[in-house]
Amino acid sequence: MTTDIDTPASNNTTNNNTTKLSVMLEALIFAAEKPLTPKQLRSHIQEQTGRGFTLKAIKDELAALVTTYQNRGIQLAMVAGGYRFQTNTEVKPLIQSIQKEKTSKISPAMMETLAVIAYKQPITRAEIEEIRGVAVSSYIIKTLTERAWVKTDGYKEVPGRPALYVTTPEFLAYFGLNSLTQLPELMPISQADHASHAVEASLLEHES
């Protein structure tokens, strides 16, 4: 059973045995390519340093760090079930020009398709096409899948059993969402051909 008290590492000759928990958490989260959960952070610290902390201790320290970074240009945020550092949303206009090259690679058609999947999932390709009013190219589906923003999640029990598409934790992380419940609520849509524009606009509000 782990406790808040450190347990010495038998083969550790570094200074990790005296490093503050907050320092280790900051370093791990900063270096990680994806958001890290409290369990992942605890496991990595214990494996690499031999020091054991309760999950409560990890969560309490993370909560304190969130508060510490709250009013800074860089914030610690819970995204896709884990923690990561990201820029403060208040300075988004300031950094948009720097991110222009990155976001320009996402075509309007691709963003529109992704938005429909995000709000209407699980959804088939034919249903996406019905909402968008145009055919969805295989290239768009392939690209969204390769980016790991979209995946298949079973098949619809209708003739032909078409694949059902859903978003992924990577999608949440990219758009700075902790869960799908954080997507903006859609306004009532009276016509299907207006739906894609509504969902795309709502999703773009959260792009980071």
C-alpha atoms as a PDB file:
ATOM      1  CA  MET A   1       0.000   0.000   0.000  1.00  0.00           C
ATOM      2  CA  THR A   2       1.401   3.377  -1.011  1.00  0.00           C
ATOM      3  CA  THR A   3       1.372   6.317   1.357  1.00  0.00           C
ATOM      4  CA  ASP A   4       2.149  10.001   1.247  1.00  0.00           C
ATOM      5  CA  ILE A   5       5.525   9.110   2.756  1.00  0.00           C
ATOM      6  CA  ASP A   6       8.331   8.420   0.310  1.00  0.00           C
ATOM      7  CA  THR A   7       9.672   4.882   0.095  1.00  0.00           C
ATOM      8  CA  PRO A   8      13.414   4.751  -0.661  1.00  0.00           C
ATOM      9  CA  ALA A   9      14.621   3.400  -4.003  1.00  0.00           C
ATOM     10  CA  SER A  10      17.189   0.640  -3.726  1.00  0.00           C
ATOM     11  CA  ASN A  11      19.064   1.491  -6.933  1.00  0.00           C
ATOM     12  CA  ASN A  12      18.550   5.227  -7.219  1.00  0.00           C
ATOM     13  CA  THR A  13      21.602   7.438  -6.786  1.00  0.00           C
ATOM     14  CA  THR A  14      20.089  10.618  -8.244  1.00  0.00           C
ATOM     15  CA  ASN A  15      18.501  13.530  -6.422  1.00  0.00           C
ATOM     16  CA  ASN A  16      14.999  12.250  -7.252  1.00  0.00           C
ATOM     17  CA  ASN A  17      14.547  11.052  -3.675  1.00  0.00           C
ATOM     18  CA  THR A  18      14.389  14.636  -2.444  1.00  0.00           C
ATOM     19  CA  THR A  19      12.759  16.346  -5.433  1.00  0.00           C
ATOM     20  CA  LYS A  20       9.417  17.944  -4.607  1.00  0.00           C
ATOM     21  CA  LEU A  21       6.340  16.165  -5.919  1.00  0.00           C
ATOM     22  CA  SER A  22       5.161  19.348  -7.635  1.00  0.00           C
ATOM     23  CA  VAL A  23       8.455  19.651  -9.510  1.00  0.00           C
ATOM     24  CA  MET A  24       8.253  16.066 -10.756  1.00  0.00           C
ATOM     25  CA  LEU A  25       4.641  16.488 -11.849  1.00  0.00           C
ATOM     26  CA  GLU A  26       5.403  19.691 -13.731  1.00  0.00           C
ATOM     27  CA  ALA A  27       8.360  18.111 -15.526  1.00  0.00           C
ATOM     28  CA  LEU A  28       6.479  14.959 -16.515  1.00  0.00           C
ATOM     29  CA  ILE A  29       3.444  16.835 -17.814  1.00  0.00           C
ATOM     30  CA  PHE A  30       5.589  19.324 -19.716  1.00  0.00           C
ATOM     31  CA  ALA A  31       7.638  16.592 -21.399  1.00  0.00           C
ATOM     32  CA  ALA A  32       4.713  14.313 -22.275  1.00  0.00           C
ATOM     33  CA  GLU A  33       3.277  14.257 -25.785  1.00  0.00           C
ATOM     34  CA  LYS A  34      -0.233  13.503 -24.501  1.00  0.00           C
ATOM     35  CA  PRO A  35      -2.214  14.454 -21.374  1.00  0.00           C
ATOM     36  CA  LEU A  36      -1.255  12.296 -18.375  1.00  0.00           C
ATOM     37  CA  THR A  37      -3.748  10.991 -15.820  1.00  0.00           C
ATOM     38  CA  PRO A  38      -3.042  11.045 -12.060  1.00  0.00           C
ATOM     39  CA  LYS A  39      -2.616   7.245 -12.140  1.00  0.00           C
ATOM     40  CA  GLN A  40      -0.072   7.468 -14.958  1.00  0.00           C
ATOM     41  CA  LEU A  41       1.859  10.168 -13.124  1.00  0.00           C
ATOM     42  CA  ARG A  42       1.914   8.192  -9.880  1.00  0.00           C
ATOM     43  CA  SER A  43       3.014   5.034 -11.682  1.00  0.00           C
ATOM     44  CA  HIS A  44       5.821   6.772 -13.571  1.00  0.00           C
ATOM     45  CA  ILE A  45       7.178   8.476 -10.451  1.00  0.00           C
ATOM     46  CA  GLN A  46       7.160   5.219  -8.502  1.00  0.00           C
ATOM     47  CA  GLU A  47       8.776   3.233 -11.317  1.00  0.00           C
ATOM     48  CA  GLN A  48      11.528   5.763 -11.972  1.00  0.00           C
ATOM     49  CA  THR A  49      12.309   6.982  -8.449  1.00  0.00           C
ATOM     50  CA  GLY A  50      11.005   4.299  -6.121  1.00  0.00           C
ATOM     51  CA  ARG A  51       8.946   6.905  -4.283  1.00  0.00           C
ATOM     52  CA  GLY A  52       5.354   6.017  -3.478  1.00  0.00           C
ATOM     53  CA  PHE A  53       2.532   8.544  -3.242  1.00  0.00           C
ATOM     54  CA  THR A  54      -1.180   7.997  -2.770  1.00  0.00           C
ATOM     55  CA  LEU A  55      -3.466   8.903  -5.629  1.00  0.00           C
ATOM     56  CA  LYS A  56      -5.003  11.537  -3.344  1.00  0.00           C
ATOM     57  CA  ALA A  57      -1.608  13.156  -2.837  1.00  0.00           C
ATOM     58  CA  ILE A  58      -1.084  13.307  -6.599  1.00  0.00           C
ATOM     59  CA  LYS A  59      -4.547  14.781  -7.208  1.00  0.00           C
ATOM     60  CA  ASP A  60      -4.172  17.337  -4.411  1.00  0.00           C
ATOM     61  CA  GLU A  61      -0.831  18.503  -5.811  1.00  0.00           C
ATOM     62  CA  LEU A  62      -2.282  18.732  -9.315  1.00  0.00           C
ATOM     63  CA  ALA A  63      -5.185  20.821  -8.007  1.00  0.00           C
ATOM     64  CA  ALA A  64      -2.697  23.156  -6.340  1.00  0.00           C
ATOM     65  CA  LEU A  65      -0.716  23.471  -9.572  1.00  0.00           C
ATOM     66  CA  VAL A  66      -3.885  24.262 -11.525  1.00  0.00           C
ATOM     67  CA  THR A  67      -4.514  27.141  -9.113  1.00  0.00           C
ATOM     68  CA  THR A  68      -0.899  28.299  -9.313  1.00  0.00           C
ATOM     69  CA  TYR A  69      -0.999  28.561 -13.105  1.00  0.00           C
ATOM     70  CA  GLN A  70      -4.567  29.879 -13.283  1.00  0.00           C
ATOM     71  CA  ASN A  71      -3.727  33.480 -14.202  1.00  0.00           C
ATOM     72  CA  ARG A  72      -0.579  32.848 -16.223  1.00  0.00           C
ATOM     73  CA  GLY A  73       0.076  32.701 -19.944  1.00  0.00           C
ATOM     74  CA  ILE A  74       0.584  28.956 -19.608  1.00  0.00           C
ATOM     75  CA  GLN A  75      -2.070  27.007 -17.716  1.00  0.00           C
ATOM     76  CA  LEU A  76      -2.328  23.465 -16.383  1.00  0.00           C
ATOM     77  CA  ALA A  77      -5.577  22.040 -17.698  1.00  0.00           C
ATOM     78  CA  MET A  78      -7.440  18.749 -17.481  1.00  0.00           C
ATOM     79  CA  VAL A  79      -7.959  17.546 -21.032  1.00  0.00           C
ATOM     80  CA  ALA A  80      -9.245  14.176 -22.285  1.00  0.00           C
ATOM     81  CA  GLY A  81      -9.081  12.814 -18.738  1.00  0.00           C
ATOM     82  CA  GLY A  82      -5.457  13.817 -18.190  1.00  0.00           C
ATOM     83  CA  TYR A  83      -3.374  16.920 -17.481  1.00  0.00           C
ATOM     84  CA  ARG A  84      -1.340  19.035 -19.899  1.00  0.00           C
ATOM     85  CA  PHE A  85       0.099  22.523 -20.153  1.00  0.00           C
ATOM     86  CA  GLN A  86      -1.566  24.821 -22.674  1.00  0.00           C
ATOM     87  CA  THR A  87      -1.778  28.512 -23.468  1.00  0.00           C
ATOM     88  CA  ASN A  88      -4.284  30.696 -21.652  1.00  0.00           C
ATOM     89  CA  THR A  89      -7.425  31.128 -23.766  1.00  0.00           C
ATOM     90  CA  GLU A  90      -7.365  34.865 -23.004  1.00  0.00           C
ATOM     91  CA  VAL A  91      -4.294  35.276 -25.234  1.00  0.00           C
ATOM     92  CA  LYS A  92      -5.630  33.150 -28.094  1.00  0.00           C
ATOM     93  CA  PRO A  93      -5.820  36.120 -30.535  1.00  0.00           C
ATOM     94  CA  LEU A  94      -2.186  36.906 -29.737  1.00  0.00           C
ATOM     95  CA  ILE A  95      -0.924  33.477 -30.776  1.00  0.00           C
ATOM     96  CA  GLN A  96      -3.263  32.773 -33.694  1.00  0.00           C
ATOM     97  CA  SER A  97      -0.720  34.016 -36.229  1.00  0.00           C
ATOM     98  CA  ILE A  98       1.874  31.594 -34.857  1.00  0.00           C
ATOM     99  CA  GLN A  99      -0.572  28.721 -35.160  1.00  0.00           C
ATOM    100  CA  LYS A 100      -1.755  29.735 -38.633  1.00  0.00           C
ATOM    101  CA  GLU A 101       0.424  27.205 -40.440  1.00  0.00           C
ATOM    102  CA  LYS A 102      -0.774  24.391 -38.183  1.00  0.00           C
ATOM    103  CA  THR A 103      -4.479  25.129 -38.482  1.00  0.00           C
ATOM    104  CA  SER A 104      -4.377  25.877 -42.213  1.00  0.00           C
ATOM    105  CA  LYS A 105      -3.645  22.221 -42.890  1.00  0.00           C
ATOM    106  CA  ILE A 106      -7.182  21.390 -41.782  1.00  0.00           C
ATOM    107  CA  SER A 107      -9.388  21.984 -44.809  1.00  0.00           C
ATOM    108  CA  PRO A 108     -12.886  23.445 -44.347  1.00  0.00           C
ATOM    109  CA  ALA A 109     -14.424  20.199 -45.617  1.00  0.00           C
ATOM    110  CA  MET A 110     -12.374  18.185 -43.136  1.00  0.00           C
ATOM    111  CA  MET A 111     -13.290  20.449 -40.225  1.00  0.00           C
ATOM    112  CA  GLU A 112     -16.932  20.348 -41.225  1.00  0.00           C
ATOM    113  CA  THR A 113     -16.917  16.543 -41.341  1.00  0.00           C
ATOM    114  CA  LEU A 114     -15.155  16.348 -37.978  1.00  0.00           C
ATOM    115  CA  ALA A 115     -17.690  18.716 -36.432  1.00  0.00           C
ATOM    116  CA  VAL A 116     -20.611  16.617 -37.646  1.00  0.00           C
ATOM    117  CA  ILE A 117     -19.033  13.465 -36.201  1.00  0.00           C
ATOM    118  CA  ALA A 118     -18.327  15.211 -32.885  1.00  0.00           C
ATOM    119  CA  TYR A 119     -21.937  16.278 -32.376  1.00  0.00           C
ATOM    120  CA  LYS A 120     -23.795  13.395 -33.986  1.00  0.00           C
ATOM    121  CA  GLN A 121     -21.656  10.362 -33.061  1.00  0.00           C
ATOM    122  CA  PRO A 122     -21.902   7.486 -33.515  1.00  0.00           C
ATOM    123  CA  ILE A 123     -22.660   8.247 -37.141  1.00  0.00           C
ATOM    124  CA  THR A 124     -22.252   6.551 -40.508  1.00  0.00           C
ATOM    125  CA  ARG A 125     -20.627   8.055 -43.565  1.00  0.00           C
ATOM    126  CA  ALA A 126     -23.994   8.219 -45.340  1.00  0.00           C
ATOM    127  CA  GLU A 127     -25.491  10.111 -42.389  1.00  0.00           C
ATOM    128  CA  ILE A 128     -22.592  12.587 -42.472  1.00  0.00           C
ATOM    129  CA  GLU A 129     -23.209  13.132 -46.170  1.00  0.00           C
ATOM    130  CA  GLU A 130     -26.903  13.688 -45.531  1.00  0.00           C
ATOM    131  CA  ILE A 131     -26.156  16.411 -42.984  1.00  0.00           C
ATOM    132  CA  ARG A 132     -23.432  18.070 -45.077  1.00  0.00           C
ATOM    133  CA  GLY A 133     -25.348  17.780 -48.319  1.00  0.00           C
ATOM    134  CA  VAL A 134     -22.265  16.619 -50.223  1.00  0.00           C
ATOM    135  CA  ALA A 135     -20.269  13.417 -50.580  1.00  0.00           C
ATOM    136  CA  VAL A 136     -17.556  12.734 -47.981  1.00  0.00           C
ATOM    137  CA  SER A 137     -14.332  11.754 -49.716  1.00  0.00           C
ATOM    138  CA  SER A 138     -12.328   8.745 -48.593  1.00  0.00           C
ATOM    139  CA  TYR A 139      -9.351  11.091 -48.209  1.00  0.00           C
ATOM    140  CA  ILE A 140     -11.129  13.085 -45.491  1.00  0.00           C
ATOM    141  CA  ILE A 141     -12.067   9.979 -43.516  1.00  0.00           C
ATOM    142  CA  LYS A 142      -8.550   8.574 -43.948  1.00  0.00           C
ATOM    143  CA  THR A 143      -6.900  11.810 -42.806  1.00  0.00           C
ATOM    144  CA  LEU A 144      -9.112  12.171 -39.742  1.00  0.00           C
ATOM    145  CA  THR A 145      -8.369   8.554 -38.865  1.00  0.00           C
ATOM    146  CA  GLU A 146      -4.610   8.982 -39.379  1.00  0.00           C
ATOM    147  CA  ARG A 147      -4.651  12.030 -37.119  1.00  0.00           C
ATOM    148  CA  ALA A 148      -6.347   9.764 -34.554  1.00  0.00           C
ATOM    149  CA  TRP A 149      -9.214  12.216 -34.158  1.00  0.00           C
ATOM    150  CA  VAL A 150     -11.770   9.733 -35.463  1.00  0.00           C
ATOM    151  CA  LYS A 151     -12.123   5.958 -35.283  1.00  0.00           C
ATOM    152  CA  THR A 152     -14.680   3.308 -36.180  1.00  0.00           C
ATOM    153  CA  ASP A 153     -16.751   1.991 -33.305  1.00  0.00           C
ATOM    154  CA  GLY A 154     -18.798  -0.928 -34.525  1.00  0.00           C
ATOM    155  CA  TYR A 155     -21.315  -1.139 -37.330  1.00  0.00           C
ATOM    156  CA  LYS A 156     -24.902  -0.014 -37.742  1.00  0.00           C
ATOM    157  CA  GLU A 157     -27.355  -2.899 -37.942  1.00  0.00           C
ATOM    158  CA  VAL A 158     -28.856  -1.954 -41.290  1.00  0.00           C
ATOM    159  CA  PRO A 159     -28.344  -3.458 -44.756  1.00  0.00           C
ATOM    160  CA  GLY A 160     -24.660  -3.253 -45.626  1.00  0.00           C
ATOM    161  CA  ARG A 161     -23.679  -2.755 -41.951  1.00  0.00           C
ATOM    162  CA  PRO A 162     -21.876   0.579 -42.488  1.00  0.00           C
ATOM    163  CA  ALA A 163     -19.146   1.585 -40.044  1.00  0.00           C
ATOM    164  CA  LEU A 164     -20.000   3.964 -37.210  1.00  0.00           C
ATOM    165  CA  TYR A 165     -17.584   6.835 -36.612  1.00  0.00           C
ATOM    166  CA  VAL A 166     -16.796   8.449 -33.251  1.00  0.00           C
ATOM    167  CA  THR A 167     -14.215  10.907 -31.956  1.00  0.00           C
ATOM    168  CA  THR A 168     -11.228   9.918 -29.802  1.00  0.00           C
ATOM    169  CA  PRO A 169      -9.334  11.168 -26.725  1.00  0.00           C
ATOM    170  CA  GLU A 170      -6.804  12.669 -29.169  1.00  0.00           C
ATOM    171  CA  PHE A 171      -9.611  14.780 -30.619  1.00  0.00           C
ATOM    172  CA  LEU A 172     -10.479  16.050 -27.145  1.00  0.00           C
ATOM    173  CA  ALA A 173      -6.840  16.852 -26.423  1.00  0.00           C
ATOM    174  CA  TYR A 174      -6.318  18.796 -29.651  1.00  0.00           C
ATOM    175  CA  PHE A 175      -9.372  20.961 -29.105  1.00  0.00           C
ATOM    176  CA  GLY A 176      -8.688  21.431 -25.386  1.00  0.00           C
ATOM    177  CA  LEU A 177     -11.739  19.536 -24.152  1.00  0.00           C
ATOM    178  CA  ASN A 178     -11.906  17.254 -21.129  1.00  0.00           C
ATOM    179  CA  SER A 179     -15.073  15.558 -22.372  1.00  0.00           C
ATOM    180  CA  LEU A 180     -17.684  15.853 -25.110  1.00  0.00           C
ATOM    181  CA  THR A 181     -20.017  17.536 -22.625  1.00  0.00           C
ATOM    182  CA  GLN A 182     -17.854  20.654 -22.987  1.00  0.00           C
ATOM    183  CA  LEU A 183     -18.827  21.093 -26.630  1.00  0.00           C
ATOM    184  CA  PRO A 184     -20.980  24.219 -27.034  1.00  0.00           C
ATOM    185  CA  GLU A 185     -24.709  23.517 -27.089  1.00  0.00           C
ATOM    186  CA  LEU A 186     -26.122  23.677 -30.597  1.00  0.00           C
ATOM    187  CA  MET A 187     -28.907  26.072 -31.465  1.00  0.00           C
ATOM    188  CA  PRO A 188     -32.037  24.407 -32.902  1.00  0.00           C
ATOM    189  CA  ILE A 189     -31.490  23.593 -36.553  1.00  0.00           C
ATOM    190  CA  SER A 190     -34.506  23.587 -38.851  1.00  0.00           C
ATOM    191  CA  GLN A 191     -32.829  22.479 -42.045  1.00  0.00           C
ATOM    192  CA  ALA A 192     -30.258  19.726 -42.512  1.00  0.00           C
ATOM    193  CA  ASP A 193     -28.113  21.712 -44.958  1.00  0.00           C
ATOM    194  CA  HIS A 194     -27.521  24.347 -42.252  1.00  0.00           C
ATOM    195  CA  ALA A 195     -26.419  21.823 -39.653  1.00  0.00           C
ATOM    196  CA  SER A 196     -22.859  21.402 -40.825  1.00  0.00           C
ATOM    197  CA  HIS A 197     -22.176  25.145 -40.647  1.00  0.00           C
ATOM    198  CA  ALA A 198     -23.597  25.364 -37.130  1.00  0.00           C
ATOM    199  CA  VAL A 199     -21.573  22.488 -35.719  1.00  0.00           C
ATOM    200  CA  GLU A 200     -18.392  23.639 -37.461  1.00  0.00           C
ATOM    201  CA  ALA A 201     -18.684  27.138 -35.999  1.00  0.00           C
ATOM    202  CA  SER A 202     -19.274  25.745 -32.508  1.00  0.00           C
ATOM    203  CA  LEU A 203     -16.293  23.395 -32.724  1.00  0.00           C
ATOM    204  CA  LEU A 204     -13.961  26.093 -34.023  1.00  0.00           C
ATOM    205  CA  GLU A 205     -14.627  28.096 -30.844  1.00  0.00           C
ATOM    206  CA  HIS A 206     -12.656  25.479 -28.938  1.00  0.00           C
ATOM    207  CA  GLU A 207      -9.768  24.954 -31.344  1.00  0.00           C
ATOM    208  CA  SER A 208      -6.451  25.597 -29.616  1.00  0.00           C
END
